[in-house]
């Protein structure tokens, strides 16, 4: 899960500017379970440090402002490349795991 979570976060951000709570909700809706802020926000910070996302503050609806994250062109390219690598990896792993188990 940890190995692919940043890729999933990047994919959610690719759908348009969004904020942490909404990202966590999308991940949960996708069946990835509850992702806590202590896990999510370091990923977002790392993605921003790597130039894959940008952030900006916007006023909230009657509440505090929210930090919105947006995909950069570099992030879009990284998402394409990493998604392809993930697909290759999962196909190879599935091939290995689908082999019959032979008792020794």
PDB file of N, CA and C in Angstrom:
ATOM      1  N   UNK A   1       0.828  -1.196   0.000  1.00  0.00           N
ATOM      2  CA  UNK A   1       0.000   0.000   0.000  1.00  0.00           C
ATOM      3  C   UNK A   1       0.867   1.253   0.000  1.00  0.00           C
ATOM      4  N   UNK A   2       1.889   1.281   0.846  1.00  0.00           N
ATOM      5  CA  UNK A   2       2.730   2.470   0.924  1.00  0.00           C
ATOM      6  C   UNK A   2       3.399   2.776  -0.403  1.00  0.00           C
ATOM      7  N   UNK A   3       3.801   1.746  -1.125  1.00  0.00           N
ATOM      8  CA  UNK A   3       4.511   1.945  -2.371  1.00  0.00           C
ATOM      9  C   UNK A   3       3.671   2.591  -3.453  1.00  0.00           C
ATOM     10  N   UNK A   4       2.384   2.429  -3.405  1.00  0.00           N
ATOM     11  CA  UNK A   4       1.526   2.952  -4.461  1.00  0.00           C
ATOM     12  C   UNK A   4       0.664   4.123  -3.989  1.00  0.00           C
ATOM     13  N   UNK A   5       0.672   4.431  -2.713  1.00  0.00           N
ATOM     14  CA  UNK A   5      -0.204   5.481  -2.199  1.00  0.00           C
ATOM     15  C   UNK A   5       0.111   6.846  -2.800  1.00  0.00           C
ATOM     16  N   UNK A   6       1.378   7.186  -2.944  1.00  0.00           N
ATOM     17  CA  UNK A   6       1.713   8.488  -3.535  1.00  0.00           C
ATOM     18  C   UNK A   6       1.253   8.552  -4.988  1.00  0.00           C
ATOM     19  N   UNK A   7       1.323   7.439  -5.698  1.00  0.00           N
ATOM     20  CA  UNK A   7       0.821   7.396  -7.075  1.00  0.00           C
ATOM     21  C   UNK A   7      -0.685   7.609  -7.103  1.00  0.00           C
ATOM     22  N   UNK A   8      -1.397   7.007  -6.171  1.00  0.00           N
ATOM     23  CA  UNK A   8      -2.853   7.185  -6.093  1.00  0.00           C
ATOM     24  C   UNK A   8      -3.215   8.622  -5.730  1.00  0.00           C
ATOM     25  N   UNK A   9      -2.463   9.229  -4.832  1.00  0.00           N
ATOM     26  CA  UNK A   9      -2.699  10.632  -4.478  1.00  0.00           C
ATOM     27  C   UNK A   9      -2.470  11.506  -5.704  1.00  0.00           C
ATOM     28  N   UNK A  10      -1.400  11.262  -6.417  1.00  0.00           N
ATOM     29  CA  UNK A  10      -1.106  12.021  -7.634  1.00  0.00           C
ATOM     30  C   UNK A  10      -2.239  11.881  -8.640  1.00  0.00           C
ATOM     31  N   UNK A  11      -2.784  10.681  -8.761  1.00  0.00           N
ATOM     32  CA  UNK A  11      -3.896  10.445  -9.696  1.00  0.00           C
ATOM     33  C   UNK A  11      -5.143  11.216  -9.291  1.00  0.00           C
ATOM     34  N   UNK A  12      -5.441  11.269  -8.003  1.00  0.00           N
ATOM     35  CA  UNK A  12      -6.607  12.025  -7.533  1.00  0.00           C
ATOM     36  C   UNK A  12      -6.422  13.506  -7.828  1.00  0.00           C
ATOM     37  N   UNK A  13      -5.238  14.025  -7.573  1.00  0.00           N
ATOM     38  CA  UNK A  13      -4.970  15.449  -7.829  1.00  0.00           C
ATOM     39  C   UNK A  13      -5.063  15.752  -9.328  1.00  0.00           C
ATOM     40  N   UNK A  14      -4.788  14.770 -10.167  1.00  0.00           N
ATOM     41  CA  UNK A  14      -4.856  14.967 -11.617  1.00  0.00           C
ATOM     42  C   UNK A  14      -6.266  15.303 -12.085  1.00  0.00           C
ATOM     43  N   UNK A  15      -7.278  14.984 -11.292  1.00  0.00           N
ATOM     44  CA  UNK A  15      -8.658  15.278 -11.679  1.00  0.00           C
ATOM     45  C   UNK A  15      -9.030  16.739 -11.487  1.00  0.00           C
ATOM     46  N   UNK A  16      -8.153  17.524 -10.898  1.00  0.00           N
ATOM     47  CA  UNK A  16      -8.403  18.948 -10.710  1.00  0.00           C
ATOM     48  C   UNK A  16      -8.027  19.378  -9.315  1.00  0.00           C
ATOM     49  N   UNK A  17      -7.919  20.677  -9.108  1.00  0.00           N
ATOM     50  CA  UNK A  17      -7.513  21.179  -7.790  1.00  0.00           C
ATOM     51  C   UNK A  17      -8.390  20.610  -6.681  1.00  0.00           C
ATOM     52  N   UNK A  18      -7.746  20.161  -5.635  1.00  0.00           N
ATOM     53  CA  UNK A  18      -8.455  19.526  -4.534  1.00  0.00           C
ATOM     54  C   UNK A  18      -7.666  19.697  -3.249  1.00  0.00           C
ATOM     55  N   UNK A  19      -8.286  19.411  -2.141  1.00  0.00           N
ATOM     56  CA  UNK A  19      -7.655  19.601  -0.834  1.00  0.00           C
ATOM     57  C   UNK A  19      -7.575  18.264  -0.110  1.00  0.00           C
ATOM     58  N   UNK A  20      -6.800  18.253   0.968  1.00  0.00           N
ATOM     59  CA  UNK A  20      -6.469  17.013   1.662  1.00  0.00           C
ATOM     60  C   UNK A  20      -7.641  16.149   2.062  1.00  0.00           C
ATOM     61  N   UNK A  21      -8.644  16.744   2.700  1.00  0.00           N
ATOM     62  CA  UNK A  21      -9.791  15.964   3.157  1.00  0.00           C
ATOM     63  C   UNK A  21     -10.508  15.305   1.974  1.00  0.00           C
ATOM     64  N   UNK A  22     -10.638  16.030   0.876  1.00  0.00           N
ATOM     65  CA  UNK A  22     -11.292  15.474  -0.312  1.00  0.00           C
ATOM     66  C   UNK A  22     -10.453  14.356  -0.928  1.00  0.00           C
ATOM     67  N   UNK A  23      -9.145  14.522  -0.893  1.00  0.00           N
ATOM     68  CA  UNK A  23      -8.256  13.473  -1.409  1.00  0.00           C
ATOM     69  C   UNK A  23      -8.437  12.199  -0.582  1.00  0.00           C
ATOM     70  N   UNK A  24      -8.431  12.355   0.729  1.00  0.00           N
ATOM     71  CA  UNK A  24      -8.615  11.196   1.615  1.00  0.00           C
ATOM     72  C   UNK A  24      -9.959  10.526   1.334  1.00  0.00           C
ATOM     73  N   UNK A  25     -10.991  11.316   1.104  1.00  0.00           N
ATOM     74  CA  UNK A  25     -12.306  10.760   0.784  1.00  0.00           C
ATOM     75  C   UNK A  25     -12.304   9.980  -0.514  1.00  0.00           C
ATOM     76  N   UNK A  26     -11.639  10.508  -1.526  1.00  0.00           N
ATOM     77  CA  UNK A  26     -11.558   9.812  -2.819  1.00  0.00           C
ATOM     78  C   UNK A  26     -10.796   8.498  -2.691  1.00  0.00           C
ATOM     79  N   UNK A  27      -9.731   8.504  -1.902  1.00  0.00           N
ATOM     80  CA  UNK A  27      -8.967   7.273  -1.694  1.00  0.00           C
ATOM     81  C   UNK A  27      -9.816   6.229  -0.976  1.00  0.00           C
ATOM     82  N   UNK A  28     -10.571   6.666   0.032  1.00  0.00           N
ATOM     83  CA  UNK A  28     -11.456   5.747   0.752  1.00  0.00           C
ATOM     84  C   UNK A  28     -12.542   5.213  -0.177  1.00  0.00           C
ATOM     85  N   UNK A  29     -13.121   6.091  -1.000  1.00  0.00           N
ATOM     86  CA  UNK A  29     -14.157   5.671  -1.952  1.00  0.00           C
ATOM     87  C   UNK A  29     -13.623   4.660  -2.966  1.00  0.00           C
ATOM     88  N   UNK A  30     -12.336   4.747  -3.260  1.00  0.00           N
ATOM     89  CA  UNK A  30     -11.707   3.817  -4.204  1.00  0.00           C
ATOM     90  C   UNK A  30     -11.379   2.479  -3.550  1.00  0.00           C
ATOM     91  N   UNK A  31     -11.658   2.364  -2.250  1.00  0.00           N
ATOM     92  CA  UNK A  31     -11.415   1.106  -1.561  1.00  0.00           C
ATOM     93  C   UNK A  31     -10.043   0.992  -0.933  1.00  0.00           C
ATOM     94  N   UNK A  32      -9.331   2.115  -0.814  1.00  0.00           N
ATOM     95  CA  UNK A  32      -7.982   2.074  -0.255  1.00  0.00           C
ATOM     96  C   UNK A  32      -7.952   2.281   1.245  1.00  0.00           C
ATOM     97  N   UNK A  33      -9.114   2.347   1.861  1.00  0.00           N
ATOM     98  CA  UNK A  33      -9.185   2.489   3.301  1.00  0.00           C
ATOM     99  C   UNK A  33      -9.043   3.936   3.740  1.00  0.00           C
ATOM    100  N   UNK A  34      -9.022   4.105   5.044  1.00  0.00           N
ATOM    101  CA  UNK A  34      -8.915   5.432   5.634  1.00  0.00           C
ATOM    102  C   UNK A  34      -7.454   5.854   5.681  1.00  0.00           C
ATOM    103  N   UNK A  35      -7.132   6.929   4.977  1.00  0.00           N
ATOM    104  CA  UNK A  35      -5.765   7.453   4.975  1.00  0.00           C
ATOM    105  C   UNK A  35      -5.740   8.662   5.907  1.00  0.00           C
ATOM    106  N   UNK A  36      -5.001   8.559   6.967  1.00  0.00           N
ATOM    107  CA  UNK A  36      -4.922   9.609   7.977  1.00  0.00           C
ATOM    108  C   UNK A  36      -4.077  10.781   7.479  1.00  0.00           C
ATOM    109  N   UNK A  37      -4.331  11.935   8.056  1.00  0.00           N
ATOM    110  CA  UNK A  37      -3.579  13.131   7.702  1.00  0.00           C
ATOM    111  C   UNK A  37      -2.089  12.978   7.920  1.00  0.00           C
ATOM    112  N   UNK A  38      -1.708  12.230   8.949  1.00  0.00           N
ATOM    113  CA  UNK A  38      -0.290  12.005   9.223  1.00  0.00           C
ATOM    114  C   UNK A  38       0.414  11.204   8.150  1.00  0.00           C
ATOM    115  N   UNK A  39      -0.347  10.536   7.319  1.00  0.00           N
ATOM    116  CA  UNK A  39       0.198   9.817   6.166  1.00  0.00           C
ATOM    117  C   UNK A  39       0.049  10.649   4.903  1.00  0.00           C
ATOM    118  N   UNK A  40      -1.116  11.256   4.730  1.00  0.00           N
ATOM    119  CA  UNK A  40      -1.432  11.982   3.500  1.00  0.00           C
ATOM    120  C   UNK A  40      -0.616  13.256   3.323  1.00  0.00           C
ATOM    121  N   UNK A  41      -0.546  14.088   4.364  1.00  0.00           N
ATOM    122  CA  UNK A  41       0.108  15.388   4.197  1.00  0.00           C
ATOM    123  C   UNK A  41       1.612  15.293   3.949  1.00  0.00           C
ATOM    124  N   UNK A  42       2.337  14.354   4.549  1.00  0.00           N
ATOM    125  CA  UNK A  42       3.735  14.193   4.146  1.00  0.00           C
ATOM    126  C   UNK A  42       3.885  13.780   2.674  1.00  0.00           C
ATOM    127  N   UNK A  43       2.958  12.981   2.170  1.00  0.00           N
ATOM    128  CA  UNK A  43       2.995  12.607   0.747  1.00  0.00           C
ATOM    129  C   UNK A  43       2.788  13.847  -0.109  1.00  0.00           C
ATOM    130  N   UNK A  44       1.795  14.659   0.238  1.00  0.00           N
ATOM    131  CA  UNK A  44       1.531  15.878  -0.526  1.00  0.00           C
ATOM    132  C   UNK A  44       2.724  16.833  -0.468  1.00  0.00           C
ATOM    133  N   UNK A  45       3.351  16.941   0.685  1.00  0.00           N
ATOM    134  CA  UNK A  45       4.537  17.798   0.819  1.00  0.00           C
ATOM    135  C   UNK A  45       5.667  17.292  -0.056  1.00  0.00           C
ATOM    136  N   UNK A  46       5.855  15.973  -0.071  1.00  0.00           N
ATOM    137  CA  UNK A  46       6.908  15.373  -0.906  1.00  0.00           C
ATOM    138  C   UNK A  46       6.617  15.595  -2.390  1.00  0.00           C
ATOM    139  N   UNK A  47       5.360  15.432  -2.788  1.00  0.00           N
ATOM    140  CA  UNK A  47       4.989  15.666  -4.185  1.00  0.00           C
ATOM    141  C   UNK A  47       5.220  17.125  -4.571  1.00  0.00           C
ATOM    142  N   UNK A  48       4.938  18.026  -3.641  1.00  0.00           N
ATOM    143  CA  UNK A  48       5.160  19.444  -3.915  1.00  0.00           C
ATOM    144  C   UNK A  48       6.656  19.752  -3.986  1.00  0.00           C
ATOM    145  N   UNK A  49       7.433  19.207  -3.063  1.00  0.00           N
ATOM    146  CA  UNK A  49       8.886  19.399  -3.078  1.00  0.00           C
ATOM    147  C   UNK A  49       9.494  18.881  -4.377  1.00  0.00           C
ATOM    148  N   UNK A  50       8.951  17.788  -4.892  1.00  0.00           N
ATOM    149  CA  UNK A  50       9.443  17.196  -6.137  1.00  0.00           C
ATOM    150  C   UNK A  50       8.932  17.916  -7.385  1.00  0.00           C
ATOM    151  N   UNK A  51       8.097  18.932  -7.198  1.00  0.00           N
ATOM    152  CA  UNK A  51       7.586  19.704  -8.329  1.00  0.00           C
ATOM    153  C   UNK A  51       6.460  19.033  -9.087  1.00  0.00           C
ATOM    154  N   UNK A  52       5.833  18.033  -8.476  1.00  0.00           N
ATOM    155  CA  UNK A  52       4.770  17.296  -9.164  1.00  0.00           C
ATOM    156  C   UNK A  52       3.392  17.907  -8.910  1.00  0.00           C
ATOM    157  N   UNK A  53       3.250  18.615  -7.800  1.00  0.00           N
ATOM    158  CA  UNK A  53       2.023  19.353  -7.503  1.00  0.00           C
ATOM    159  C   UNK A  53       2.403  20.738  -6.999  1.00  0.00           C
ATOM    160  N   UNK A  54       1.457  21.660  -7.098  1.00  0.00           N
ATOM    161  CA  UNK A  54       1.593  22.976  -6.489  1.00  0.00           C
ATOM    162  C   UNK A  54       0.450  23.132  -5.507  1.00  0.00           C
ATOM    163  N   UNK A  55       0.585  24.091  -4.619  1.00  0.00           N
ATOM    164  CA  UNK A  55      -0.489  24.332  -3.664  1.00  0.00           C
ATOM    165  C   UNK A  55      -0.792  25.818  -3.587  1.00  0.00           C
ATOM    166  N   UNK A  56      -2.031  26.109  -3.215  1.00  0.00           N
ATOM    167  CA  UNK A  56      -2.459  27.487  -3.006  1.00  0.00           C
ATOM    168  C   UNK A  56      -3.584  27.472  -1.990  1.00  0.00           C
ATOM    169  N   UNK A  57      -3.718  28.568  -1.280  1.00  0.00           N
ATOM    170  CA  UNK A  57      -4.769  28.690  -0.274  1.00  0.00           C
ATOM    171  C   UNK A  57      -5.979  29.357  -0.896  1.00  0.00           C
ATOM    172  N   UNK A  58      -7.151  28.874  -0.532  1.00  0.00           N
ATOM    173  CA  UNK A  58      -8.412  29.461  -0.991  1.00  0.00           C
ATOM    174  C   UNK A  58      -9.360  29.527   0.193  1.00  0.00           C
ATOM    175  N   UNK A  59     -10.238  30.519   0.165  1.00  0.00           N
ATOM    176  CA  UNK A  59     -11.209  30.679   1.243  1.00  0.00           C
ATOM    177  C   UNK A  59     -12.142  29.485   1.288  1.00  0.00           C
ATOM    178  N   UNK A  60     -12.497  29.088   2.499  1.00  0.00           N
ATOM    179  CA  UNK A  60     -13.459  28.009   2.671  1.00  0.00           C
ATOM    180  C   UNK A  60     -14.873  28.557   2.679  1.00  0.00           C
ATOM    181  N   UNK A  61     -15.846  27.709   2.509  1.00  0.00           N
ATOM    182  CA  UNK A  61     -17.251  28.133   2.554  1.00  0.00           C
ATOM    183  C   UNK A  61     -17.678  28.317   4.002  1.00  0.00           C
ATOM    184  N   UNK A  62     -17.545  29.537   4.502  1.00  0.00           N
ATOM    185  CA  UNK A  62     -17.958  29.822   5.866  1.00  0.00           C
ATOM    186  C   UNK A  62     -17.021  29.270   6.922  1.00  0.00           C
ATOM    187  N   UNK A  63     -15.908  28.741   6.529  1.00  0.00           N
ATOM    188  CA  UNK A  63     -14.950  28.167   7.472  1.00  0.00           C
ATOM    189  C   UNK A  63     -13.554  28.643   7.147  1.00  0.00           C
ATOM    190  N   UNK A  64     -12.581  27.990   7.715  1.00  0.00           N
ATOM    191  CA  UNK A  64     -11.197  28.401   7.441  1.00  0.00           C
ATOM    192  C   UNK A  64     -10.804  28.104   6.000  1.00  0.00           C
ATOM    193  N   UNK A  65      -9.744  28.750   5.553  1.00  0.00           N
ATOM    194  CA  UNK A  65      -9.241  28.503   4.208  1.00  0.00           C
ATOM    195  C   UNK A  65      -8.739  27.078   4.052  1.00  0.00           C
ATOM    196  N   UNK A  66      -8.625  26.679   2.820  1.00  0.00           N
ATOM    197  CA  UNK A  66      -8.145  25.327   2.521  1.00  0.00           C
ATOM    198  C   UNK A  66      -6.947  25.414   1.583  1.00  0.00           C
ATOM    199  N   UNK A  67      -6.043  24.491   1.761  1.00  0.00           N
ATOM    200  CA  UNK A  67      -4.886  24.393   0.885  1.00  0.00           C
ATOM    201  C   UNK A  67      -5.243  23.444  -0.245  1.00  0.00           C
ATOM    202  N   UNK A  68      -5.303  23.981  -1.460  1.00  0.00           N
ATOM    203  CA  UNK A  68      -5.642  23.189  -2.635  1.00  0.00           C
ATOM    204  C   UNK A  68      -4.374  22.764  -3.357  1.00  0.00           C
ATOM    205  N   UNK A  69      -4.410  21.549  -3.877  1.00  0.00           N
ATOM    206  CA  UNK A  69      -3.275  20.989  -4.607  1.00  0.00           C
ATOM    207  C   UNK A  69      -3.663  20.793  -6.063  1.00  0.00           C
ATOM    208  N   UNK A  70      -2.726  21.141  -6.955  1.00  0.00           N
ATOM    209  CA  UNK A  70      -2.938  21.009  -8.403  1.00  0.00           C
ATOM    210  C   UNK A  70      -1.747  20.299  -9.016  1.00  0.00           C
ATOM    211  N   UNK A  71      -2.018  19.549 -10.066  1.00  0.00           N
ATOM    212  CA  UNK A  71      -0.978  18.825 -10.782  1.00  0.00           C
ATOM    213  C   UNK A  71      -0.188  19.782 -11.663  1.00  0.00           C
ATOM    214  N   UNK A  72       1.115  19.619 -11.705  1.00  0.00           N
ATOM    215  CA  UNK A  72       1.967  20.389 -12.611  1.00  0.00           C
ATOM    216  C   UNK A  72       2.174  19.581 -13.892  1.00  0.00           C
ATOM    217  N   UNK A  73       2.667  20.202 -14.959  1.00  0.00           N
ATOM    218  CA  UNK A  73       2.996  19.420 -16.161  1.00  0.00           C
ATOM    219  C   UNK A  73       4.009  18.309 -15.864  1.00  0.00           C
ATOM    220  N   UNK A  74       4.970  18.593 -15.015  1.00  0.00           N
ATOM    221  CA  UNK A  74       5.937  17.562 -14.609  1.00  0.00           C
ATOM    222  C   UNK A  74       5.231  16.439 -13.868  1.00  0.00           C
ATOM    223  N   UNK A  75       4.257  16.800 -13.051  1.00  0.00           N
ATOM    224  CA  UNK A  75       3.476  15.802 -12.329  1.00  0.00           C
ATOM    225  C   UNK A  75       2.661  14.929 -13.261  1.00  0.00           C
ATOM    226  N   UNK A  76       2.103  15.541 -14.307  1.00  0.00           N
ATOM    227  CA  UNK A  76       1.324  14.766 -15.278  1.00  0.00           C
ATOM    228  C   UNK A  76       2.208  13.744 -15.985  1.00  0.00           C
ATOM    229  N   UNK A  77       3.420  14.155 -16.346  1.00  0.00           N
ATOM    230  CA  UNK A  77       4.352  13.237 -17.001  1.00  0.00           C
ATOM    231  C   UNK A  77       4.774  12.127 -16.034  1.00  0.00           C
ATOM    232  N   UNK A  78       5.060  12.501 -14.796  1.00  0.00           N
ATOM    233  CA  UNK A  78       5.440  11.498 -13.794  1.00  0.00           C
ATOM    234  C   UNK A  78       4.305  10.515 -13.556  1.00  0.00           C
ATOM    235  N   UNK A  79       3.080  11.014 -13.526  1.00  0.00           N
ATOM    236  CA  UNK A  79       1.925  10.135 -13.330  1.00  0.00           C
ATOM    237  C   UNK A  79       1.825   9.118 -14.461  1.00  0.00           C
ATOM    238  N   UNK A  80       1.980   9.569 -15.687  1.00  0.00           N
ATOM    239  CA  UNK A  80       1.929   8.630 -16.824  1.00  0.00           C
ATOM    240  C   UNK A  80       3.018   7.571 -16.711  1.00  0.00           C
ATOM    241  N   UNK A  81       4.241   8.004 -16.428  1.00  0.00           N
ATOM    242  CA  UNK A  81       5.365   7.065 -16.353  1.00  0.00           C
ATOM    243  C   UNK A  81       5.208   6.086 -15.185  1.00  0.00           C
ATOM    244  N   UNK A  82       4.854   6.607 -14.024  1.00  0.00           N
ATOM    245  CA  UNK A  82       4.734   5.753 -12.841  1.00  0.00           C
ATOM    246  C   UNK A  82       3.547   4.798 -12.954  1.00  0.00           C
ATOM    247  N   UNK A  83       2.468   5.258 -13.565  1.00  0.00           N
ATOM    248  CA  UNK A  83       1.314   4.375 -13.756  1.00  0.00           C
ATOM    249  C   UNK A  83       1.690   3.220 -14.682  1.00  0.00           C
ATOM    250  N   UNK A  84       2.433   3.519 -15.732  1.00  0.00           N
ATOM    251  CA  UNK A  84       2.869   2.455 -16.648  1.00  0.00           C
ATOM    252  C   UNK A  84       3.778   1.463 -15.922  1.00  0.00           C
ATOM    253  N   UNK A  85       4.706   1.969 -15.114  1.00  0.00           N
ATOM    254  CA  UNK A  85       5.591   1.096 -14.339  1.00  0.00           C
ATOM    255  C   UNK A  85       4.783   0.233 -13.374  1.00  0.00           C
ATOM    256  N   UNK A  86       3.753   0.830 -12.778  1.00  0.00           N
ATOM    257  CA  UNK A  86       2.908   0.081 -11.839  1.00  0.00           C
ATOM    258  C   UNK A  86       2.168  -1.034 -12.561  1.00  0.00           C
ATOM    259  N   UNK A  87       1.651  -0.753 -13.750  1.00  0.00           N
ATOM    260  CA  UNK A  87       0.931  -1.775 -14.515  1.00  0.00           C
ATOM    261  C   UNK A  87       1.861  -2.934 -14.888  1.00  0.00           C
ATOM    262  N   UNK A  88       3.061  -2.629 -15.307  1.00  0.00           N
ATOM    263  CA  UNK A  88       4.031  -3.677 -15.641  1.00  0.00           C
ATOM    264  C   UNK A  88       4.333  -4.521 -14.405  1.00  0.00           C
ATOM    265  N   UNK A  89       4.568  -3.843 -13.281  1.00  0.00           N
ATOM    266  CA  UNK A  89       4.867  -4.559 -12.038  1.00  0.00           C
ATOM    267  C   UNK A  89       3.724  -5.480 -11.626  1.00  0.00           C
ATOM    268  N   UNK A  90       2.481  -4.961 -11.642  1.00  0.00           N
ATOM    269  CA  UNK A  90       1.356  -5.777 -11.194  1.00  0.00           C
ATOM    270  C   UNK A  90       1.096  -6.945 -12.136  1.00  0.00           C
ATOM    271  N   UNK A  91       1.320  -6.761 -13.438  1.00  0.00           N
ATOM    272  CA  UNK A  91       1.163  -7.876 -14.376  1.00  0.00           C
ATOM    273  C   UNK A  91       2.184  -8.974 -14.078  1.00  0.00           C
ATOM    274  N   UNK A  92       3.420  -8.567 -13.815  1.00  0.00           N
ATOM    275  CA  UNK A  92       4.463  -9.555 -13.517  1.00  0.00           C
ATOM    276  C   UNK A  92       4.195 -10.256 -12.195  1.00  0.00           C
ATOM    277  N   UNK A  93       3.777  -9.493 -11.189  1.00  0.00           N
ATOM    278  CA  UNK A  93       3.473 -10.094  -9.890  1.00  0.00           C
ATOM    279  C   UNK A  93       2.291 -11.048 -10.011  1.00  0.00           C
ATOM    280  N   UNK A  94       1.265 -10.655 -10.759  1.00  0.00           N
ATOM    281  CA  UNK A  94       0.103 -11.528 -10.942  1.00  0.00           C
ATOM    282  C   UNK A  94       0.504 -12.816 -11.648  1.00  0.00           C
ATOM    283  N   UNK A  95       1.393 -12.709 -12.623  1.00  0.00           N
ATOM    284  CA  UNK A  95       1.872 -13.902 -13.314  1.00  0.00           C
ATOM    285  C   UNK A  95       2.585 -14.849 -12.377  1.00  0.00           C
ATOM    286  N   UNK A  96       3.404 -14.304 -11.521  1.00  0.00           N
ATOM    287  CA  UNK A  96       4.122 -15.132 -10.560  1.00  0.00           C
ATOM    288  C   UNK A  96       3.164 -15.746  -9.549  1.00  0.00           C
ATOM    289  N   UNK A  97       2.248 -14.951  -9.037  1.00  0.00           N
ATOM    290  CA  UNK A  97       1.343 -15.439  -7.982  1.00  0.00           C
ATOM    291  C   UNK A  97       0.286 -16.403  -8.509  1.00  0.00           C
ATOM    292  N   UNK A  98       0.032 -16.402  -9.802  1.00  0.00           N
ATOM    293  CA  UNK A  98      -0.980 -17.301 -10.348  1.00  0.00           C
ATOM    294  C   UNK A  98      -0.453 -18.699 -10.620  1.00  0.00           C
ATOM    295  N   UNK A  99       0.842 -18.882 -10.488  1.00  0.00           N
ATOM    296  CA  UNK A  99       1.416 -20.215 -10.689  1.00  0.00           C
ATOM    297  C   UNK A  99       0.933 -21.141  -9.584  1.00  0.00           C
ATOM    298  N   UNK A 100       0.692 -22.402  -9.935  1.00  0.00           N
ATOM    299  CA  UNK A 100       0.257 -23.350  -8.901  1.00  0.00           C
ATOM    300  C   UNK A 100       1.366 -23.573  -7.861  1.00  0.00           C
ATOM    301  N   UNK A 101       0.931 -23.784  -6.655  1.00  0.00           N
ATOM    302  CA  UNK A 101       1.878 -24.066  -5.569  1.00  0.00           C
ATOM    303  C   UNK A 101       2.148 -25.571  -5.573  1.00  0.00           C
ATOM    304  N   UNK A 102       3.416 -25.900  -5.636  1.00  0.00           N
ATOM    305  CA  UNK A 102       3.819 -27.304  -5.635  1.00  0.00           C
ATOM    306  C   UNK A 102       4.456 -27.598  -4.280  1.00  0.00           C
ATOM    307  N   UNK A 103       3.826 -28.471  -3.488  1.00  0.00           N
ATOM    308  CA  UNK A 103       4.414 -28.794  -2.178  1.00  0.00           C
ATOM    309  C   UNK A 103       5.793 -29.424  -2.334  1.00  0.00           C
ATOM    310  N   UNK A 104       6.681 -29.108  -1.415  1.00  0.00           N
ATOM    311  CA  UNK A 104       8.029 -29.674  -1.510  1.00  0.00           C
ATOM    312  C   UNK A 104       8.149 -30.940  -0.703  1.00  0.00           C
TER     313      UNK A 104
END
